[in-house]
Amino acid sequence: MRSQAFTLIEMILAIGVAAIVLVTISSVFFAAIRLRNDTQDFVDAATPVDQTMAIMKRDLGCVVTPTNGTTKVLSGDFRVGNIVSTGSGEPVAIEMYTATGQMGEKEPWGEIQRVTYELRDPLTHSEAGKELVRSITRNLLSTTPSPADDEPMMGGVQSIAFSCYDGVQWWNTWDTTGLTSANTNLPLAVRVDIQPVGNQMAPIEMVVPIDSVARTNAVLSTQTE
């Protein structure tokens, strides 16, 4: 019987077809890897922003109404602008007392805490822009100033601005102490504007309504039947 085998032309054609298939598979594979990396980078960049906005919205939504009198232990003033923080003595963008604290075994403090937001230089010089830092002071009953816990929120920030709405217009500064302004009560809403560095991320704007009871010096009258 006569044996049959592949000819040289058939072998060349088979190798060529296999090479084309392998090139197509590799191009699709590497395109999928690039798409996965781009998606992962987008998710990693968006996650700190979403977390920052959620935490900031919660802090503003649970802000505590300022109290009358000079002695303020578990409540303090609401201040916006380039003001000096009561706890650290450093300029911050906003300082507020908010009921967002959580009790724990190692930190048995109440739910009221002093929170500030400010921009600081990044730890590494390779990072562009500033870093948004949230500082929390839990022990408000201490007779000596307690150090604040710094919580880095997001990087690559060029500027951050808070503005307050009094029912008529927006104000870039707000101080319930009455020393720098006549706004002794909380605003009706707070607007947050964050400008990132470069064009990798769009500017962020958020408006948070403030639902709280305004303080007053009026004495409530009672009626008896």
N, C-alpha and C. Protein backbone atom coordinates (compact mmCIF):
# COMPACT_ATOMS: atom_id res chain seq x y z
N MET A 1 0.84 -1.19 0.00
CA MET A 1 0.00 0.00 0.00
C MET A 1 0.87 1.24 0.00
N ARG A 2 0.41 2.26 -0.66
CA ARG A 2 1.16 3.52 -0.78
C ARG A 2 0.84 4.41 0.41
N SER A 3 1.86 4.83 1.19
CA SER A 3 1.66 5.71 2.36
C SER A 3 1.41 7.14 1.91
N GLN A 4 0.54 7.84 2.68
CA GLN A 4 0.21 9.23 2.37
C GLN A 4 0.70 10.13 3.50
N ALA A 5 1.15 11.36 3.19
CA ALA A 5 1.65 12.33 4.18
C ALA A 5 1.32 13.74 3.68
N PHE A 6 1.49 14.69 4.61
CA PHE A 6 1.25 16.09 4.26
C PHE A 6 2.36 16.59 3.36
N THR A 7 1.97 17.37 2.43
CA THR A 7 2.98 17.97 1.56
C THR A 7 3.54 19.23 2.22
N LEU A 8 4.62 19.72 1.68
CA LEU A 8 5.25 20.92 2.23
C LEU A 8 4.32 22.13 2.14
N ILE A 9 3.57 22.24 1.08
CA ILE A 9 2.65 23.37 0.93
C ILE A 9 1.55 23.30 1.98
N GLU A 10 1.04 22.09 2.25
CA GLU A 10 0.01 21.95 3.27
C GLU A 10 0.54 22.30 4.65
N MET A 11 1.78 21.92 4.93
CA MET A 11 2.39 22.27 6.21
C MET A 11 2.53 23.78 6.36
N ILE A 12 2.97 24.45 5.31
CA ILE A 12 3.14 25.91 5.36
C ILE A 12 1.79 26.59 5.57
N LEU A 13 0.76 26.10 4.87
CA LEU A 13 -0.57 26.70 5.04
C LEU A 13 -1.10 26.48 6.45
N ALA A 14 -0.89 25.31 7.02
CA ALA A 14 -1.36 25.03 8.38
C ALA A 14 -0.65 25.91 9.39
N ILE A 15 0.67 26.05 9.23
CA ILE A 15 1.42 26.91 10.15
C ILE A 15 0.97 28.35 10.03
N GLY A 16 0.71 28.82 8.81
CA GLY A 16 0.25 30.19 8.61
C GLY A 16 -1.10 30.45 9.24
N VAL A 17 -2.03 29.49 9.06
CA VAL A 17 -3.36 29.65 9.67
C VAL A 17 -3.25 29.66 11.20
N ALA A 18 -2.42 28.77 11.76
CA ALA A 18 -2.24 28.73 13.22
C ALA A 18 -1.63 30.02 13.74
N ALA A 19 -0.69 30.59 12.99
CA ALA A 19 -0.07 31.85 13.42
C ALA A 19 -1.09 32.98 13.42
N ILE A 20 -1.94 33.01 12.39
CA ILE A 20 -2.96 34.06 12.33
C ILE A 20 -3.93 33.93 13.51
N VAL A 21 -4.31 32.70 13.84
CA VAL A 21 -5.22 32.48 14.96
C VAL A 21 -4.56 32.90 16.28
N LEU A 22 -3.30 32.55 16.46
CA LEU A 22 -2.60 32.92 17.69
C LEU A 22 -2.45 34.43 17.81
N VAL A 23 -2.14 35.11 16.71
CA VAL A 23 -2.02 36.57 16.75
C VAL A 23 -3.35 37.21 17.11
N THR A 24 -4.44 36.70 16.55
CA THR A 24 -5.77 37.25 16.86
C THR A 24 -6.12 37.03 18.32
N ILE A 25 -5.85 35.84 18.84
CA ILE A 25 -6.15 35.55 20.23
C ILE A 25 -5.32 36.43 21.17
N SER A 26 -4.03 36.59 20.85
CA SER A 26 -3.17 37.41 21.71
C SER A 26 -3.59 38.88 21.70
N SER A 27 -3.99 39.39 20.54
CA SER A 27 -4.43 40.79 20.48
C SER A 27 -5.70 41.01 21.29
N VAL A 28 -6.64 40.05 21.20
CA VAL A 28 -7.86 40.16 22.00
C VAL A 28 -7.54 40.04 23.48
N PHE A 29 -6.62 39.17 23.84
CA PHE A 29 -6.25 38.97 25.24
C PHE A 29 -5.61 40.22 25.83
N PHE A 30 -4.65 40.80 25.11
CA PHE A 30 -3.99 42.00 25.62
C PHE A 30 -4.93 43.20 25.63
N ALA A 31 -5.88 43.27 24.69
CA ALA A 31 -6.87 44.34 24.73
C ALA A 31 -7.76 44.20 25.95
N ALA A 32 -8.11 42.97 26.31
CA ALA A 32 -8.91 42.75 27.52
C ALA A 32 -8.13 43.13 28.78
N ILE A 33 -6.83 42.84 28.80
CA ILE A 33 -6.00 43.22 29.95
C ILE A 33 -5.92 44.73 30.09
N ARG A 34 -5.72 45.44 28.97
CA ARG A 34 -5.68 46.91 29.02
C ARG A 34 -7.01 47.48 29.48
N LEU A 35 -8.11 46.90 29.01
CA LEU A 35 -9.43 47.37 29.44
C LEU A 35 -9.64 47.14 30.94
N ARG A 36 -9.18 45.98 31.42
CA ARG A 36 -9.30 45.71 32.85
C ARG A 36 -8.46 46.68 33.67
N ASN A 37 -7.25 46.97 33.23
CA ASN A 37 -6.39 47.90 33.96
C ASN A 37 -6.97 49.31 33.97
N ASP A 38 -7.50 49.74 32.82
CA ASP A 38 -8.12 51.08 32.77
C ASP A 38 -9.35 51.14 33.68
N THR A 39 -10.15 50.10 33.68
CA THR A 39 -11.33 50.07 34.55
C THR A 39 -10.93 50.07 36.02
N GLN A 40 -9.88 49.30 36.35
CA GLN A 40 -9.42 49.26 37.73
C GLN A 40 -8.89 50.61 38.18
N ASP A 41 -8.15 51.30 37.29
CA ASP A 41 -7.64 52.63 37.63
C ASP A 41 -8.79 53.61 37.84
N PHE A 42 -9.83 53.50 37.01
CA PHE A 42 -10.98 54.40 37.15
C PHE A 42 -11.71 54.13 38.46
N VAL A 43 -11.88 52.86 38.80
CA VAL A 43 -12.56 52.51 40.05
C VAL A 43 -11.73 52.95 41.25
N ASP A 44 -10.41 52.74 41.19
CA ASP A 44 -9.54 53.15 42.30
C ASP A 44 -9.56 54.66 42.49
N ALA A 45 -9.64 55.41 41.38
CA ALA A 45 -9.68 56.87 41.50
C ALA A 45 -11.04 57.36 42.00
N ALA A 46 -12.11 56.65 41.65
CA ALA A 46 -13.44 57.10 42.05
C ALA A 46 -13.80 56.68 43.46
N THR A 47 -13.21 55.60 43.96
CA THR A 47 -13.57 55.12 45.29
C THR A 47 -13.26 56.13 46.39
N PRO A 48 -12.06 56.73 46.46
CA PRO A 48 -11.83 57.75 47.50
C PRO A 48 -12.77 58.94 47.39
N VAL A 49 -13.13 59.33 46.18
CA VAL A 49 -14.04 60.46 46.00
C VAL A 49 -15.42 60.12 46.55
N ASP A 50 -15.92 58.94 46.22
CA ASP A 50 -17.24 58.53 46.71
C ASP A 50 -17.25 58.42 48.23
N GLN A 51 -16.19 57.85 48.79
CA GLN A 51 -16.12 57.73 50.25
C GLN A 51 -16.02 59.09 50.91
N THR A 52 -15.24 59.99 50.31
CA THR A 52 -15.10 61.34 50.87
C THR A 52 -16.42 62.07 50.86
N MET A 53 -17.14 62.01 49.76
CA MET A 53 -18.42 62.70 49.67
C MET A 53 -19.44 62.10 50.64
N ALA A 54 -19.43 60.78 50.80
CA ALA A 54 -20.38 60.14 51.71
C ALA A 54 -20.10 60.54 53.16
N ILE A 55 -18.83 60.53 53.56
CA ILE A 55 -18.47 60.90 54.93
C ILE A 55 -18.74 62.37 55.18
N MET A 56 -18.40 63.22 54.23
CA MET A 56 -18.62 64.65 54.39
C MET A 56 -20.12 64.97 54.45
N LYS A 57 -20.91 64.30 53.64
CA LYS A 57 -22.35 64.51 53.68
C LYS A 57 -22.93 64.08 55.01
N ARG A 58 -22.43 62.99 55.58
CA ARG A 58 -22.91 62.53 56.87
C ARG A 58 -22.53 63.51 57.98
N ASP A 59 -21.29 64.03 57.93
CA ASP A 59 -20.86 65.00 58.94
C ASP A 59 -21.72 66.26 58.91
N LEU A 60 -21.97 66.77 57.72
CA LEU A 60 -22.77 67.99 57.60
C LEU A 60 -24.23 67.74 57.94
N GLY A 61 -24.74 66.57 57.58
CA GLY A 61 -26.12 66.26 57.87
C GLY A 61 -26.40 66.06 59.35
N CYS A 62 -25.37 65.70 60.12
CA CYS A 62 -25.55 65.45 61.56
C CYS A 62 -24.92 66.55 62.41
N VAL A 63 -24.72 67.73 61.84
CA VAL A 63 -24.08 68.81 62.59
C VAL A 63 -24.95 69.21 63.77
N VAL A 64 -24.30 69.55 64.88
CA VAL A 64 -24.99 69.86 66.13
C VAL A 64 -25.25 71.36 66.21
N THR A 65 -26.43 71.73 66.66
CA THR A 65 -26.80 73.13 66.80
C THR A 65 -25.95 73.80 67.88
N PRO A 66 -25.38 74.96 67.61
CA PRO A 66 -24.60 75.66 68.65
C PRO A 66 -25.46 76.00 69.86
N THR A 67 -24.82 76.04 71.02
CA THR A 67 -25.52 76.33 72.27
C THR A 67 -25.17 77.73 72.75
N ASN A 68 -26.05 78.29 73.56
CA ASN A 68 -25.80 79.60 74.14
C ASN A 68 -24.79 79.50 75.28
N GLY A 69 -24.21 80.62 75.62
CA GLY A 69 -23.29 80.65 76.76
C GLY A 69 -21.85 80.49 76.32
N THR A 70 -20.96 80.80 77.22
CA THR A 70 -19.53 80.70 76.93
C THR A 70 -18.99 79.31 77.17
N THR A 71 -19.63 78.52 78.03
CA THR A 71 -19.18 77.16 78.33
C THR A 71 -19.83 76.20 77.35
N LYS A 72 -19.01 75.62 76.47
CA LYS A 72 -19.51 74.69 75.46
C LYS A 72 -18.64 73.44 75.54
N VAL A 73 -19.21 72.40 76.10
CA VAL A 73 -18.46 71.18 76.30
C VAL A 73 -18.73 70.19 75.18
N LEU A 74 -19.95 69.73 75.10
CA LEU A 74 -20.31 68.75 74.08
C LEU A 74 -20.96 69.38 72.86
N SER A 75 -20.80 70.65 72.71
CA SER A 75 -21.29 71.35 71.53
C SER A 75 -20.44 72.58 71.32
N GLY A 76 -20.25 72.94 70.07
CA GLY A 76 -19.45 74.11 69.77
C GLY A 76 -19.98 74.85 68.57
N ASP A 77 -19.22 75.80 68.11
CA ASP A 77 -19.67 76.66 67.03
C ASP A 77 -19.40 76.02 65.67
N PHE A 78 -20.12 76.53 64.70
CA PHE A 78 -19.99 76.10 63.31
C PHE A 78 -19.30 77.22 62.54
N ARG A 79 -18.12 76.93 61.98
CA ARG A 79 -17.33 77.97 61.33
C ARG A 79 -16.84 77.50 59.97
N VAL A 80 -16.92 78.38 59.01
CA VAL A 80 -16.52 78.10 57.64
C VAL A 80 -15.64 79.24 57.14
N GLY A 81 -14.63 78.90 56.38
CA GLY A 81 -13.69 79.88 55.86
C GLY A 81 -12.29 79.54 56.31
N ASN A 82 -11.37 80.41 56.06
CA ASN A 82 -9.99 80.20 56.49
C ASN A 82 -9.87 80.57 57.96
N ILE A 83 -10.39 79.69 58.82
CA ILE A 83 -10.46 79.97 60.25
C ILE A 83 -9.45 79.08 60.98
N VAL A 84 -9.15 79.43 62.20
CA VAL A 84 -8.23 78.68 63.03
C VAL A 84 -9.03 77.70 63.87
N SER A 85 -8.68 76.43 63.78
CA SER A 85 -9.41 75.41 64.50
C SER A 85 -9.22 75.55 66.00
N THR A 86 -10.28 75.24 66.74
CA THR A 86 -10.23 75.31 68.20
C THR A 86 -9.28 74.27 68.76
N GLY A 87 -9.21 73.09 68.14
CA GLY A 87 -8.40 72.02 68.68
C GLY A 87 -6.94 72.12 68.32
N SER A 88 -6.62 72.28 67.03
CA SER A 88 -5.23 72.24 66.58
C SER A 88 -4.59 73.61 66.50
N GLY A 89 -5.39 74.67 66.39
CA GLY A 89 -4.82 75.99 66.22
C GLY A 89 -4.30 76.26 64.83
N GLU A 90 -4.62 75.38 63.86
CA GLU A 90 -4.19 75.53 62.48
C GLU A 90 -5.36 75.98 61.62
N PRO A 91 -5.08 76.71 60.54
CA PRO A 91 -6.16 77.14 59.65
C PRO A 91 -6.81 75.94 58.96
N VAL A 92 -8.12 75.92 58.97
CA VAL A 92 -8.88 74.84 58.34
C VAL A 92 -9.98 75.47 57.50
N ALA A 93 -10.57 74.65 56.61
CA ALA A 93 -11.63 75.15 55.75
C ALA A 93 -12.98 75.17 56.45
N ILE A 94 -13.19 74.24 57.38
CA ILE A 94 -14.45 74.17 58.10
C ILE A 94 -14.21 73.48 59.44
N GLU A 95 -14.95 73.92 60.45
CA GLU A 95 -14.93 73.27 61.76
C GLU A 95 -16.36 73.14 62.24
N MET A 96 -16.73 71.93 62.67
CA MET A 96 -18.10 71.69 63.10
C MET A 96 -18.11 70.63 64.20
N TYR A 97 -19.20 70.65 64.94
CA TYR A 97 -19.47 69.62 65.93
C TYR A 97 -20.62 68.78 65.39
N THR A 98 -20.38 67.49 65.22
CA THR A 98 -21.35 66.64 64.56
C THR A 98 -21.55 65.35 65.34
N ALA A 99 -22.74 64.80 65.25
CA ALA A 99 -23.10 63.59 65.99
C ALA A 99 -22.86 62.36 65.14
N THR A 100 -21.63 62.16 64.70
CA THR A 100 -21.28 61.01 63.87
C THR A 100 -20.28 60.09 64.55
N GLY A 101 -19.96 60.35 65.81
CA GLY A 101 -19.01 59.50 66.52
C GLY A 101 -19.63 58.16 66.90
N GLN A 102 -18.80 57.13 66.91
CA GLN A 102 -19.24 55.80 67.27
C GLN A 102 -18.47 55.34 68.50
N MET A 103 -19.20 54.81 69.46
CA MET A 103 -18.58 54.34 70.69
C MET A 103 -17.89 53.00 70.46
N GLY A 104 -16.75 52.84 71.13
CA GLY A 104 -16.00 51.61 71.05
C GLY A 104 -15.40 51.24 72.38
N GLU A 105 -14.79 50.06 72.44
CA GLU A 105 -14.20 49.60 73.69
C GLU A 105 -13.00 50.43 74.10
N LYS A 106 -12.20 50.85 73.12
CA LYS A 106 -11.00 51.62 73.40
C LYS A 106 -11.25 53.12 73.41
N GLU A 107 -12.36 53.55 72.87
CA GLU A 107 -12.70 54.98 72.82
C GLU A 107 -14.14 55.14 73.30
N PRO A 108 -14.35 55.16 74.59
CA PRO A 108 -15.72 55.24 75.12
C PRO A 108 -16.24 56.66 75.16
N TRP A 109 -16.06 57.42 74.10
CA TRP A 109 -16.55 58.79 74.06
C TRP A 109 -17.98 58.81 73.52
N GLY A 110 -18.61 59.97 73.63
CA GLY A 110 -19.97 60.11 73.14
C GLY A 110 -20.00 60.23 71.63
N GLU A 111 -21.20 60.42 71.09
CA GLU A 111 -21.36 60.52 69.64
C GLU A 111 -21.00 61.90 69.11
N ILE A 112 -20.91 62.90 69.98
CA ILE A 112 -20.55 64.24 69.53
C ILE A 112 -19.04 64.32 69.38
N GLN A 113 -18.59 64.81 68.24
CA GLN A 113 -17.16 64.96 67.98
C GLN A 113 -16.92 66.22 67.16
N ARG A 114 -15.70 66.76 67.33
CA ARG A 114 -15.32 67.94 66.55
C ARG A 114 -14.60 67.47 65.30
N VAL A 115 -15.05 67.95 64.16
CA VAL A 115 -14.52 67.52 62.87
C VAL A 115 -14.09 68.75 62.08
N THR A 116 -12.92 68.68 61.49
CA THR A 116 -12.42 69.73 60.61
C THR A 116 -11.97 69.11 59.30
N TYR A 117 -12.03 69.90 58.25
CA TYR A 117 -11.52 69.52 56.94
C TYR A 117 -10.51 70.58 56.50
N GLU A 118 -9.37 70.12 55.98
CA GLU A 118 -8.34 71.04 55.54
C GLU A 118 -7.49 70.38 54.46
N LEU A 119 -6.76 71.21 53.73
CA LEU A 119 -5.83 70.72 52.71
C LEU A 119 -4.41 70.78 53.25
N ARG A 120 -3.66 69.71 53.03
CA ARG A 120 -2.28 69.65 53.48
C ARG A 120 -1.39 69.18 52.33
N ASP A 121 -0.10 69.43 52.49
CA ASP A 121 0.86 68.94 51.50
C ASP A 121 0.91 67.42 51.55
N PRO A 122 1.00 66.77 50.39
CA PRO A 122 1.06 65.30 50.40
C PRO A 122 2.34 64.80 51.04
N LEU A 123 2.29 63.57 51.52
CA LEU A 123 3.45 62.99 52.18
C LEU A 123 4.59 62.75 51.20
N THR A 124 4.27 62.40 49.98
CA THR A 124 5.29 62.18 48.95
C THR A 124 5.23 63.33 47.95
N HIS A 125 6.41 63.82 47.59
CA HIS A 125 6.48 64.97 46.67
C HIS A 125 6.08 64.58 45.25
N SER A 126 5.99 63.28 44.96
CA SER A 126 5.61 62.86 43.62
C SER A 126 4.13 63.09 43.34
N GLU A 127 3.31 63.22 44.40
CA GLU A 127 1.88 63.45 44.23
C GLU A 127 1.62 64.91 43.90
N ALA A 128 0.69 65.12 42.96
CA ALA A 128 0.34 66.48 42.56
C ALA A 128 -0.78 67.02 43.44
N GLY A 129 -0.77 68.33 43.64
CA GLY A 129 -1.84 68.95 44.40
C GLY A 129 -1.71 68.74 45.90
N LYS A 130 -2.84 68.95 46.58
CA LYS A 130 -2.91 68.82 48.03
C LYS A 130 -3.68 67.56 48.42
N GLU A 131 -3.62 67.25 49.70
CA GLU A 131 -4.35 66.11 50.24
C GLU A 131 -5.42 66.61 51.20
N LEU A 132 -6.65 66.14 51.00
CA LEU A 132 -7.76 66.51 51.87
C LEU A 132 -7.72 65.63 53.11
N VAL A 133 -7.67 66.27 54.27
CA VAL A 133 -7.54 65.56 55.55
C VAL A 133 -8.73 65.90 56.43
N ARG A 134 -9.30 64.87 57.03
CA ARG A 134 -10.39 65.02 58.00
C ARG A 134 -9.82 64.74 59.39
N SER A 135 -9.92 65.72 60.27
CA SER A 135 -9.40 65.59 61.63
C SER A 135 -10.57 65.46 62.60
N ILE A 136 -10.46 64.48 63.51
CA ILE A 136 -11.54 64.20 64.45
C ILE A 136 -11.01 64.29 65.87
N THR A 137 -11.74 64.99 66.73
CA THR A 137 -11.45 65.04 68.16
C THR A 137 -12.64 64.44 68.89
N ARG A 138 -12.40 63.32 69.57
CA ARG A 138 -13.48 62.58 70.24
C ARG A 138 -13.62 62.99 71.71
N ASN A 139 -12.49 63.16 72.41
CA ASN A 139 -12.53 63.43 73.85
C ASN A 139 -12.75 64.92 74.08
N LEU A 140 -14.01 65.33 74.10
CA LEU A 140 -14.35 66.74 74.28
C LEU A 140 -14.44 67.14 75.74
N LEU A 141 -14.37 66.17 76.65
CA LEU A 141 -14.46 66.47 78.07
C LEU A 141 -13.10 66.69 78.72
N SER A 142 -12.05 66.54 77.97
CA SER A 142 -10.72 66.69 78.54
C SER A 142 -10.45 68.15 78.87
N THR A 143 -9.80 68.38 80.02
CA THR A 143 -9.46 69.75 80.43
C THR A 143 -8.28 70.30 79.64
N THR A 144 -7.48 69.42 79.05
CA THR A 144 -6.36 69.83 78.22
C THR A 144 -6.68 69.51 76.77
N PRO A 145 -6.15 70.27 75.82
CA PRO A 145 -6.44 70.01 74.41
C PRO A 145 -6.00 68.60 74.01
N SER A 146 -6.91 67.85 73.45
CA SER A 146 -6.61 66.49 73.01
C SER A 146 -6.15 66.50 71.56
N PRO A 147 -5.17 65.67 71.24
CA PRO A 147 -4.72 65.62 69.83
C PRO A 147 -5.80 65.03 68.94
N ALA A 148 -5.92 65.57 67.76
CA ALA A 148 -6.93 65.09 66.82
C ALA A 148 -6.38 63.93 66.01
N ASP A 149 -7.29 63.05 65.61
CA ASP A 149 -6.93 61.93 64.75
C ASP A 149 -7.11 62.36 63.30
N ASP A 150 -6.02 62.33 62.55
CA ASP A 150 -6.06 62.74 61.15
C ASP A 150 -6.41 61.55 60.26
N GLU A 151 -7.35 61.78 59.38
CA GLU A 151 -7.81 60.74 58.46
C GLU A 151 -7.69 61.26 57.02
N PRO A 152 -6.67 60.82 56.27
CA PRO A 152 -6.55 61.25 54.86
C PRO A 152 -7.74 60.76 54.05
N MET A 153 -8.32 61.67 53.27
CA MET A 153 -9.52 61.34 52.52
C MET A 153 -9.23 61.11 51.04
N MET A 154 -8.62 62.06 50.37
CA MET A 154 -8.33 61.95 48.95
C MET A 154 -7.20 62.90 48.59
N GLY A 155 -6.46 62.55 47.55
CA GLY A 155 -5.36 63.37 47.09
C GLY A 155 -5.66 64.01 45.75
N GLY A 156 -4.69 64.76 45.25
CA GLY A 156 -4.85 65.42 43.96
C GLY A 156 -5.85 66.55 43.97
N VAL A 157 -5.97 67.26 45.10
CA VAL A 157 -6.94 68.34 45.24
C VAL A 157 -6.22 69.68 45.09
N GLN A 158 -6.75 70.53 44.26
CA GLN A 158 -6.18 71.86 44.07
C GLN A 158 -6.75 72.85 45.09
N SER A 159 -8.06 72.81 45.31
CA SER A 159 -8.68 73.72 46.27
C SER A 159 -10.00 73.12 46.72
N ILE A 160 -10.44 73.55 47.90
CA ILE A 160 -11.74 73.16 48.44
C ILE A 160 -12.37 74.39 49.08
N ALA A 161 -13.66 74.56 48.86
CA ALA A 161 -14.38 75.74 49.37
C ALA A 161 -15.73 75.31 49.89
N PHE A 162 -16.09 75.85 51.05
CA PHE A 162 -17.41 75.65 51.64
C PHE A 162 -18.15 76.98 51.62
N SER A 163 -19.40 76.95 51.21
CA SER A 163 -20.25 78.14 51.25
C SER A 163 -21.57 77.79 51.90
N CYS A 164 -22.13 78.76 52.60
CA CYS A 164 -23.32 78.54 53.42
C CYS A 164 -24.48 79.39 52.91
N TYR A 165 -25.66 78.81 52.95
CA TYR A 165 -26.88 79.47 52.46
C TYR A 165 -27.75 79.87 53.65
N ASP A 166 -28.09 81.16 53.71
CA ASP A 166 -28.88 81.67 54.82
C ASP A 166 -30.36 81.83 54.48
N GLY A 167 -30.76 81.34 53.33
CA GLY A 167 -32.13 81.49 52.88
C GLY A 167 -32.29 82.53 51.80
N VAL A 168 -31.28 83.39 51.63
CA VAL A 168 -31.33 84.45 50.62
C VAL A 168 -30.15 84.34 49.66
N GLN A 169 -28.94 84.19 50.20
CA GLN A 169 -27.75 84.12 49.37
C GLN A 169 -26.72 83.21 50.02
N TRP A 170 -25.66 82.94 49.24
CA TRP A 170 -24.58 82.09 49.70
C TRP A 170 -23.45 82.95 50.25
N TRP A 171 -22.82 82.46 51.34
CA TRP A 171 -21.73 83.16 51.99
C TRP A 171 -20.51 82.25 52.04
N ASN A 172 -19.34 82.84 51.75
CA ASN A 172 -18.09 82.07 51.79
C ASN A 172 -17.55 81.90 53.20
N THR A 173 -18.04 82.67 54.13
CA THR A 173 -17.63 82.56 55.52
C THR A 173 -18.86 82.45 56.41
N TRP A 174 -18.68 81.76 57.54
CA TRP A 174 -19.77 81.58 58.49
C TRP A 174 -19.15 81.34 59.86
N ASP A 175 -19.65 82.03 60.86
CA ASP A 175 -19.07 81.92 62.20
C ASP A 175 -20.18 82.14 63.22
N THR A 176 -20.59 81.08 63.89
CA THR A 176 -21.67 81.19 64.86
C THR A 176 -21.21 81.79 66.19
N THR A 177 -19.91 82.05 66.32
CA THR A 177 -19.45 82.72 67.54
C THR A 177 -19.89 84.17 67.57
N GLY A 178 -20.21 84.74 66.42
CA GLY A 178 -20.62 86.13 66.35
C GLY A 178 -19.46 87.11 66.37
N LEU A 179 -18.22 86.60 66.34
CA LEU A 179 -17.06 87.49 66.37
C LEU A 179 -16.76 88.10 65.01
N THR A 180 -16.91 87.31 63.96
CA THR A 180 -16.59 87.80 62.62
C THR A 180 -17.81 88.00 61.74
N SER A 181 -18.98 87.54 62.18
CA SER A 181 -20.20 87.71 61.39
C SER A 181 -21.39 87.68 62.33
N ALA A 182 -22.54 88.03 61.79
CA ALA A 182 -23.78 88.04 62.58
C ALA A 182 -24.54 86.74 62.47
N ASN A 183 -23.94 85.72 61.86
CA ASN A 183 -24.62 84.45 61.68
C ASN A 183 -24.42 83.58 62.92
N THR A 184 -25.32 83.73 63.88
CA THR A 184 -25.18 82.99 65.14
C THR A 184 -25.88 81.64 65.08
N ASN A 185 -26.61 81.35 64.01
CA ASN A 185 -27.29 80.07 63.85
C ASN A 185 -26.66 79.30 62.69
N LEU A 186 -27.05 78.05 62.56
CA LEU A 186 -26.56 77.23 61.47
C LEU A 186 -27.16 77.68 60.14
N PRO A 187 -26.45 77.49 59.04
CA PRO A 187 -27.03 77.81 57.74
C PRO A 187 -28.10 76.79 57.35
N LEU A 188 -28.87 77.14 56.35
CA LEU A 188 -29.90 76.22 55.86
C LEU A 188 -29.31 75.13 54.98
N ALA A 189 -28.17 75.40 54.38
CA ALA A 189 -27.52 74.41 53.51
C ALA A 189 -26.04 74.78 53.39
N VAL A 190 -25.25 73.80 53.07
CA VAL A 190 -23.81 73.99 52.87
C VAL A 190 -23.44 73.40 51.52
N ARG A 191 -22.71 74.19 50.74
CA ARG A 191 -22.25 73.73 49.43
C ARG A 191 -20.74 73.48 49.48
N VAL A 192 -20.33 72.35 48.92
CA VAL A 192 -18.93 71.95 48.90
C VAL A 192 -18.45 71.96 47.46
N ASP A 193 -17.37 72.66 47.20
CA ASP A 193 -16.76 72.72 45.87
C ASP A 193 -15.32 72.24 45.98
N ILE A 194 -15.00 71.18 45.25
CA ILE A 194 -13.65 70.62 45.23
C ILE A 194 -13.11 70.69 43.82
N GLN A 195 -11.98 71.35 43.66
CA GLN A 195 -11.32 71.46 42.36
C GLN A 195 -10.11 70.53 42.34
N PRO A 196 -10.13 69.50 41.49
CA PRO A 196 -8.98 68.60 41.42
C PRO A 196 -7.86 69.18 40.58
N VAL A 197 -6.72 68.55 40.65
CA VAL A 197 -5.56 68.96 39.85
C VAL A 197 -5.63 68.26 38.50
N GLY A 198 -5.39 69.01 37.42
CA GLY A 198 -5.40 68.42 36.09
C GLY A 198 -6.80 68.15 35.59
N ASN A 199 -6.86 67.32 34.54
CA ASN A 199 -8.13 67.00 33.89
C ASN A 199 -8.53 65.55 34.07
N GLN A 200 -7.88 64.82 34.97
CA GLN A 200 -8.21 63.42 35.16
C GLN A 200 -9.54 63.23 35.88
N MET A 201 -9.97 64.23 36.63
CA MET A 201 -11.21 64.13 37.38
C MET A 201 -11.98 65.44 37.27
N ALA A 202 -13.28 65.35 37.12
CA ALA A 202 -14.11 66.53 36.98
C ALA A 202 -14.28 67.22 38.33
N PRO A 203 -14.53 68.53 38.33
CA PRO A 203 -14.81 69.22 39.59
C PRO A 203 -16.00 68.61 40.32
N ILE A 204 -15.95 68.64 41.64
CA ILE A 204 -16.98 68.03 42.47
C ILE A 204 -17.75 69.12 43.19
N GLU A 205 -19.06 69.04 43.14
CA GLU A 205 -19.92 69.98 43.85
C GLU A 205 -21.04 69.20 44.54
N MET A 206 -21.29 69.54 45.78
CA MET A 206 -22.32 68.86 46.56
C MET A 206 -23.00 69.87 47.47
N VAL A 207 -24.32 69.80 47.57
CA VAL A 207 -25.10 70.66 48.43
C VAL A 207 -25.79 69.78 49.47
N VAL A 208 -25.56 70.11 50.75
CA VAL A 208 -26.12 69.33 51.84
C VAL A 208 -27.06 70.23 52.64
N PRO A 209 -28.34 69.90 52.73
CA PRO A 209 -29.26 70.70 53.57
C PRO A 209 -28.99 70.44 55.04
N ILE A 210 -29.12 71.49 55.85
CA ILE A 210 -28.92 71.40 57.28
C ILE A 210 -30.28 71.44 57.95
N ASP A 211 -30.64 70.36 58.61
CA ASP A 211 -31.93 70.25 59.28
C ASP A 211 -31.69 70.25 60.77
N SER A 212 -31.79 71.42 61.39
CA SER A 212 -31.55 71.54 62.83
C SER A 212 -32.40 72.68 63.37
N VAL A 213 -32.53 72.73 64.69
CA VAL A 213 -33.31 73.76 65.36
C VAL A 213 -32.39 74.92 65.69
N ALA A 214 -32.76 76.11 65.25
CA ALA A 214 -31.94 77.28 65.53
C ALA A 214 -32.05 77.67 66.99
N ARG A 215 -30.95 78.15 67.55
CA ARG A 215 -30.96 78.57 68.94
C ARG A 215 -31.59 79.96 69.05
N THR A 216 -32.14 80.26 70.18
CA THR A 216 -32.77 81.55 70.40
C THR A 216 -32.67 81.92 71.87
N ASN A 217 -32.70 83.20 72.14
CA ASN A 217 -32.66 83.69 73.50
C ASN A 217 -34.07 83.95 74.06
N ALA A 218 -35.08 83.74 73.21
CA ALA A 218 -36.45 84.01 73.65
C ALA A 218 -36.91 82.97 74.64
N VAL A 219 -37.69 83.39 75.62
CA VAL A 219 -38.23 82.51 76.63
C VAL A 219 -39.59 82.03 76.19
N LEU A 220 -39.77 80.71 76.18
CA LEU A 220 -41.04 80.16 75.76
C LEU A 220 -42.09 80.41 76.82
N SER A 221 -43.22 80.92 76.41
CA SER A 221 -44.32 81.19 77.33
C SER A 221 -45.22 79.99 77.44
N THR A 222 -45.75 79.74 78.60
CA THR A 222 -46.66 78.62 78.83
C THR A 222 -48.03 79.16 79.19
N GLN A 223 -49.05 78.46 78.77
CA GLN A 223 -50.43 78.83 79.04
C GLN A 223 -51.09 77.72 79.82
N THR A 224 -51.87 78.12 80.79
CA THR A 224 -52.61 77.14 81.61
C THR A 224 -54.10 77.32 81.36
N GLU A 225 -54.78 76.23 81.33
CA GLU A 225 -56.22 76.27 81.10
C GLU A 225 -56.95 76.35 82.44
